[in-house]
Amino acid sequence: MKPREILTAFDRYLARRSLTLQAVVVGGTALNLLGVVSRPTKDCDIIHPALSPEIIAAARQFASAERARGQALDDDWLNNGPSSLTQHLPSGWQERLQIVFTGAAVTLRCLGRRDLLCVKLWALCDRGIDLSDCLALAPDAEELRTVLPWLETQDAHPDWPEHVRATLDDVAKRLGHAL
């Protein structure tokens, strides 16, 4: 899906039904809305608040209507999949949110840059994915050094801190600077 196009259509869909959505989005949708990447994504990950039953039902109905028009959109395209992130984010993340989409019925905010870097770099360290997103965010050496202490605490495995440092060092080298 192309996030801005789908969200614009979903905004109109919700407005016609007198429903509203105010939420915090992460992942590929957030990066698309920020203009960091322009790749399609399969879903819209909401970390806060928990989606209401009315919004979930509307999102499923919207997906069905979009599929009938030839759009490849799963029923769970709008989801709370990564909501557990809120338990791990650096303190004060709520104060650093930024608005990335405003419509008649939908307002989406995303994490501030530092918190977004934390999440994307954590995904890279933990699952080995999101390298292209991390490179697209283009953190400078100071930003990498700033998120390093937080990242080192996200796993209890004794080799985790060394793995995190090696991963961030690789990102820094790919971006043309040293950590």
Foldseek 3Di string as FASTA:
>chain_A
DFLVVLVQVLLVLCVVVVAADEFAWADPSVCNLVVLDGDDDQATATQDDADDPVVLVSLQVSCVVVVVVVDDHDSVRYHNVPNCVVVQFDPPQVVQWDWRDDDPGYTYIYTHLLRNLLVQLLCCLPVVDNLVVNVSSLDAPVSLVVSLVSSQPPDPPPCSSVSSQVSSQVSNVVSPHGD
